[in-house]
């Protein structure tokens, strides 16, 4: 058997970590001396320790690893690993987007000498929003749940025999934004007025176009609100977004295009 120090050196993990894993029941010593309290590990536990370390590198939490170690169903294990792979691929894409944004920010800063310039590049227009016949799905939802709620909408398209226009978006009703739970209405435009849940009539709006991923949409919102306050208007309705170009067009995030609309009226 191996003493805890030997086991620590072989597995390249601290004794403190081994104590923590013991408390969690993640990896318990094969034997604890009742007189000295010394912990001893079996050689075959080296494989288990290496497996735990590998799962940590894959991004699993200790709680998830504990569940994985207890799994005997190979199908479920494969499913968990594949899901984690997709999660890591998404995080990789998001990191690539952030790096691209950072490089753009650096380039603009070096050219202008203004660290804020990259956030001031929005052109605000006053225009009527398009008239849209839409299918809608309104609920308290988090932004990471858009896929689920959009999925329910698109399932209606063949069932109700409607023709999508390609104009899809989201409207935000809460005064305060909460990424985990907000009153949001998702909609997809359709050609058939008589089959629409509602008609989004044209209204006077302050509008801007956001280029890039959704993580920096708040900059577009900030630009519009600042313009409204500075030009004698007031917000007269729930803001909404139209997703003109996105991942479903097989485009990289830096090439996505979103129109942001704020209904307005003169003060």
Protein backbone atom coordinates (compact mmCIF):
# COMPACT_ATOMS: atom_id res chain seq x y z
CA UNK A 1 0.00 0.00 0.00
CA UNK A 2 1.07 3.58 -0.54
CA UNK A 3 1.22 6.23 2.17
CA UNK A 4 -0.63 9.44 1.36
CA UNK A 5 2.63 11.31 0.69
CA UNK A 6 3.78 8.70 -1.80
CA UNK A 7 0.37 8.65 -3.45
CA UNK A 8 0.41 12.47 -3.61
CA UNK A 9 3.82 12.50 -5.35
CA UNK A 10 2.90 9.77 -7.85
CA UNK A 11 -0.39 11.41 -8.82
CA UNK A 12 1.01 14.97 -8.62
CA UNK A 13 -1.83 16.16 -6.43
CA UNK A 14 -1.50 17.80 -3.03
CA UNK A 15 -2.19 16.04 0.26
CA UNK A 16 -4.68 18.82 1.01
CA UNK A 17 -6.60 17.92 -2.15
CA UNK A 18 -6.59 14.23 -1.20
CA UNK A 19 -8.04 15.11 2.20
CA UNK A 20 -10.73 17.19 0.45
CA UNK A 21 -11.60 14.32 -1.91
CA UNK A 22 -11.82 12.00 1.09
CA UNK A 23 -14.28 14.35 2.85
CA UNK A 24 -16.39 14.48 -0.31
CA UNK A 25 -16.33 10.71 -0.67
CA UNK A 26 -14.79 11.17 -4.13
CA UNK A 27 -11.67 9.14 -3.40
CA UNK A 28 -11.36 7.56 0.02
CA UNK A 29 -8.18 5.87 1.30
CA UNK A 30 -8.16 2.11 1.17
CA UNK A 31 -7.12 2.08 4.84
CA UNK A 32 -6.77 4.56 7.69
CA UNK A 33 -4.60 3.52 10.64
CA UNK A 34 -6.88 3.80 13.70
CA UNK A 35 -3.95 4.75 15.98
CA UNK A 36 -1.96 7.19 13.84
CA UNK A 37 -4.63 8.36 11.41
CA UNK A 38 -2.23 7.69 8.50
CA UNK A 39 -4.00 7.19 5.19
CA UNK A 40 -3.00 4.44 2.78
CA UNK A 41 -3.96 3.95 -0.87
CA UNK A 42 -3.90 0.93 -3.15
CA UNK A 43 -1.81 1.06 -6.36
CA UNK A 44 -4.96 0.59 -8.46
CA UNK A 45 -6.35 3.84 -7.00
CA UNK A 46 -3.73 5.68 -9.06
CA UNK A 47 -5.88 5.00 -12.14
CA UNK A 48 -8.93 6.41 -10.37
CA UNK A 49 -7.02 9.53 -9.34
CA UNK A 50 -5.75 10.07 -12.89
CA UNK A 51 -9.31 9.61 -14.18
CA UNK A 52 -10.58 12.26 -11.76
CA UNK A 53 -7.85 14.67 -12.86
CA UNK A 54 -8.71 14.06 -16.51
CA UNK A 55 -12.41 14.72 -15.90
CA UNK A 56 -11.45 17.96 -14.11
CA UNK A 57 -9.48 19.01 -17.21
CA UNK A 58 -12.60 18.34 -19.26
CA UNK A 59 -14.39 20.93 -17.12
CA UNK A 60 -16.56 18.66 -14.98
CA UNK A 61 -17.27 19.83 -11.45
CA UNK A 62 -16.37 17.60 -8.50
CA UNK A 63 -20.07 16.93 -7.98
CA UNK A 64 -20.40 15.82 -11.61
CA UNK A 65 -17.27 13.68 -11.33
CA UNK A 66 -18.69 11.94 -8.28
CA UNK A 67 -21.77 11.08 -10.31
CA UNK A 68 -19.66 9.84 -13.24
CA UNK A 69 -17.58 7.57 -10.99
CA UNK A 70 -20.78 5.95 -9.76
CA UNK A 71 -22.13 5.36 -13.27
CA UNK A 72 -22.38 1.83 -14.60
CA UNK A 73 -24.48 2.68 -17.68
CA UNK A 74 -22.08 3.08 -20.62
CA UNK A 75 -24.69 4.86 -22.76
CA UNK A 76 -25.27 7.52 -20.13
CA UNK A 77 -21.53 7.97 -19.68
CA UNK A 78 -21.02 8.45 -23.42
CA UNK A 79 -23.86 10.98 -23.45
CA UNK A 80 -22.31 12.97 -20.60
CA UNK A 81 -18.91 13.04 -22.31
CA UNK A 82 -20.41 14.12 -25.63
CA UNK A 83 -22.42 16.88 -23.97
CA UNK A 84 -19.27 18.14 -22.27
CA UNK A 85 -17.48 18.09 -25.61
CA UNK A 86 -20.19 20.29 -27.14
CA UNK A 87 -20.05 22.61 -24.12
CA UNK A 88 -16.28 23.00 -24.51
CA UNK A 89 -16.65 23.64 -28.25
CA UNK A 90 -19.18 26.38 -27.49
CA UNK A 91 -16.86 27.91 -24.91
CA UNK A 92 -14.03 27.73 -27.46
CA UNK A 93 -16.14 29.62 -30.02
CA UNK A 94 -17.13 32.20 -27.42
CA UNK A 95 -13.48 32.70 -26.43
CA UNK A 96 -12.53 33.13 -30.11
CA UNK A 97 -15.23 35.80 -30.38
CA UNK A 98 -13.96 37.59 -27.28
CA UNK A 99 -10.39 37.51 -28.60
CA UNK A 100 -11.59 38.99 -31.90
CA UNK A 101 -13.47 41.74 -30.04
CA UNK A 102 -10.39 42.48 -27.95
CA UNK A 103 -8.19 42.75 -31.05
CA UNK A 104 -10.68 45.14 -32.65
CA UNK A 105 -10.79 47.19 -29.45
CA UNK A 106 -6.98 47.36 -29.34
CA UNK A 107 -6.81 48.39 -33.01
CA UNK A 108 -9.41 51.15 -32.60
CA UNK A 109 -7.77 52.39 -29.39
CA UNK A 110 -4.34 52.53 -31.03
CA UNK A 111 -5.81 54.45 -33.99
CA UNK A 112 -7.92 56.95 -32.02
CA UNK A 113 -6.33 57.12 -28.56
CA UNK A 114 -9.84 56.80 -27.04
CA UNK A 115 -10.48 53.60 -25.10
CA UNK A 116 -14.26 54.18 -25.43
CA UNK A 117 -14.39 54.80 -29.19
CA UNK A 118 -15.24 51.19 -30.04
CA UNK A 119 -18.48 51.62 -28.04
CA UNK A 120 -19.39 54.90 -29.74
CA UNK A 121 -19.51 53.65 -33.31
CA UNK A 122 -23.27 53.06 -33.49
CA UNK A 123 -25.30 55.08 -36.00
CA UNK A 124 -28.79 55.81 -34.68
CA UNK A 125 -31.68 56.21 -37.11
CA UNK A 126 -35.25 57.35 -36.50
CA UNK A 127 -37.50 55.18 -38.64
CA UNK A 128 -40.70 53.17 -38.60
CA UNK A 129 -40.25 49.53 -37.66
CA UNK A 130 -41.45 46.98 -40.23
CA UNK A 131 -44.97 45.60 -40.06
CA UNK A 132 -44.68 41.93 -39.13
CA UNK A 133 -47.18 39.08 -38.86
CA UNK A 134 -45.72 36.84 -36.20
CA UNK A 135 -46.01 33.65 -34.22
CA UNK A 136 -45.03 34.39 -30.64
CA UNK A 137 -43.88 32.66 -27.50
CA UNK A 138 -43.86 34.88 -24.41
CA UNK A 139 -42.64 33.61 -21.05
CA UNK A 140 -40.39 34.25 -18.11
CA UNK A 141 -37.14 32.85 -19.46
CA UNK A 142 -33.39 33.15 -19.29
CA UNK A 143 -31.44 34.17 -22.37
CA UNK A 144 -29.81 30.73 -22.45
CA UNK A 145 -33.29 29.24 -22.91
CA UNK A 146 -33.98 30.97 -26.23
CA UNK A 147 -33.25 27.77 -28.14
CA UNK A 148 -35.92 25.82 -26.28
CA UNK A 149 -38.62 28.46 -26.76
CA UNK A 150 -37.67 29.11 -30.38
CA UNK A 151 -37.79 25.37 -30.96
CA UNK A 152 -41.43 25.30 -29.87
CA UNK A 153 -42.18 28.16 -32.28
CA UNK A 154 -40.52 26.54 -35.28
CA UNK A 155 -42.35 23.27 -34.59
CA UNK A 156 -45.56 25.18 -35.34
CA UNK A 157 -44.42 26.19 -38.85
CA UNK A 158 -45.09 22.88 -40.67
CA UNK A 159 -47.96 21.98 -38.35
CA UNK A 160 -49.84 25.22 -39.07
CA UNK A 161 -48.66 25.43 -42.69
CA UNK A 162 -47.20 28.90 -42.51
CA UNK A 163 -44.34 30.47 -44.44
CA UNK A 164 -41.50 32.07 -42.43
CA UNK A 165 -40.27 35.44 -43.66
CA UNK A 166 -36.85 35.06 -42.04
CA UNK A 167 -37.48 38.00 -39.68
CA UNK A 168 -37.09 36.56 -36.19
CA UNK A 169 -36.57 38.44 -32.97
CA UNK A 170 -37.18 39.04 -29.30
CA UNK A 171 -39.05 41.75 -27.39
CA UNK A 172 -38.22 42.62 -23.77
CA UNK A 173 -41.01 43.75 -21.42
CA UNK A 174 -39.34 44.01 -18.02
CA UNK A 175 -38.05 47.40 -16.88
CA UNK A 176 -35.03 45.64 -15.39
CA UNK A 177 -33.03 43.00 -17.23
CA UNK A 178 -32.31 39.67 -15.60
CA UNK A 179 -30.37 37.22 -17.79
CA UNK A 180 -31.77 34.27 -15.82
CA UNK A 181 -35.46 35.22 -15.80
CA UNK A 182 -37.04 38.05 -17.76
CA UNK A 183 -40.42 38.66 -19.42
CA UNK A 184 -39.41 38.02 -23.03
CA UNK A 185 -41.47 37.46 -26.16
CA UNK A 186 -39.78 35.55 -28.96
CA UNK A 187 -41.31 35.81 -32.40
CA UNK A 188 -40.89 34.55 -35.94
CA UNK A 189 -42.31 36.42 -38.90
CA UNK A 190 -44.72 34.65 -41.24
CA UNK A 191 -46.38 35.65 -44.51
CA UNK A 192 -49.93 34.60 -43.62
CA UNK A 193 -51.57 37.44 -41.66
CA UNK A 194 -54.68 35.37 -40.91
CA UNK A 195 -52.61 32.67 -39.19
CA UNK A 196 -50.47 35.02 -37.11
CA UNK A 197 -50.75 35.21 -33.32
CA UNK A 198 -50.46 38.97 -33.61
CA UNK A 199 -49.42 41.75 -35.95
CA UNK A 200 -46.53 43.92 -34.89
CA UNK A 201 -47.64 47.23 -36.36
CA UNK A 202 -45.17 49.83 -37.55
CA UNK A 203 -44.11 52.31 -34.90
CA UNK A 204 -41.62 55.17 -34.73
CA UNK A 205 -38.35 53.85 -33.36
CA UNK A 206 -34.77 54.76 -32.65
CA UNK A 207 -32.85 51.96 -34.34
CA UNK A 208 -29.27 50.88 -34.69
CA UNK A 209 -27.47 47.89 -36.20
CA UNK A 210 -25.24 45.77 -34.00
CA UNK A 211 -22.48 43.80 -35.69
CA UNK A 212 -21.04 40.86 -33.77
CA UNK A 213 -22.03 38.42 -31.06
CA UNK A 214 -24.82 38.95 -28.55
CA UNK A 215 -22.48 39.38 -25.58
CA UNK A 216 -21.94 43.06 -26.51
CA UNK A 217 -25.55 43.91 -27.42
CA UNK A 218 -25.71 46.04 -24.28
CA UNK A 219 -23.45 48.57 -26.03
CA UNK A 220 -26.06 49.01 -28.77
CA UNK A 221 -28.77 49.45 -26.13
CA UNK A 222 -26.66 52.01 -24.30
CA UNK A 223 -26.01 53.95 -27.50
CA UNK A 224 -29.72 54.14 -28.34
CA UNK A 225 -30.85 55.15 -24.85
CA UNK A 226 -28.19 57.87 -24.67
CA UNK A 227 -29.32 59.19 -28.06
CA UNK A 228 -32.99 59.19 -26.97
CA UNK A 229 -32.23 61.17 -23.81
CA UNK A 230 -30.03 63.66 -25.68
CA UNK A 231 -32.49 64.34 -28.52
CA UNK A 232 -35.77 65.16 -26.80
CA UNK A 233 -37.47 61.77 -27.10
CA UNK A 234 -38.81 59.29 -24.57
CA UNK A 235 -39.08 55.51 -24.69
CA UNK A 236 -42.65 54.63 -25.73
CA UNK A 237 -42.74 50.84 -25.71
CA UNK A 238 -40.87 47.59 -25.21
CA UNK A 239 -37.58 47.38 -27.14
CA UNK A 240 -37.04 44.51 -29.53
CA UNK A 241 -34.35 42.90 -31.65
CA UNK A 242 -34.40 41.49 -35.18
CA UNK A 243 -31.81 38.84 -35.94
CA UNK A 244 -30.84 39.46 -39.57
CA UNK A 245 -27.68 37.35 -39.70
CA UNK A 246 -26.64 34.76 -37.13
CA UNK A 247 -25.22 31.30 -36.55
CA UNK A 248 -28.03 29.70 -38.57
CA UNK A 249 -26.59 31.42 -41.65
CA UNK A 250 -23.31 29.55 -41.03
CA UNK A 251 -21.60 32.81 -40.09
CA UNK A 252 -18.92 33.46 -37.49
CA UNK A 253 -20.12 35.62 -34.54
CA UNK A 254 -18.20 38.67 -35.79
CA UNK A 255 -20.38 38.59 -38.93
CA UNK A 256 -23.74 38.42 -37.13
CA UNK A 257 -26.08 41.37 -37.64
CA UNK A 258 -28.84 42.45 -35.26
CA UNK A 259 -31.19 45.42 -35.53
CA UNK A 260 -32.18 46.94 -32.17
CA UNK A 261 -35.40 48.98 -32.01
CA UNK A 262 -36.68 51.28 -29.24
CA UNK A 263 -40.21 52.68 -29.79
CA UNK A 264 -40.05 56.45 -29.14
CA UNK A 265 -42.23 59.56 -28.88
CA UNK A 266 -41.37 63.24 -28.59
CA UNK A 267 -41.11 64.60 -25.04
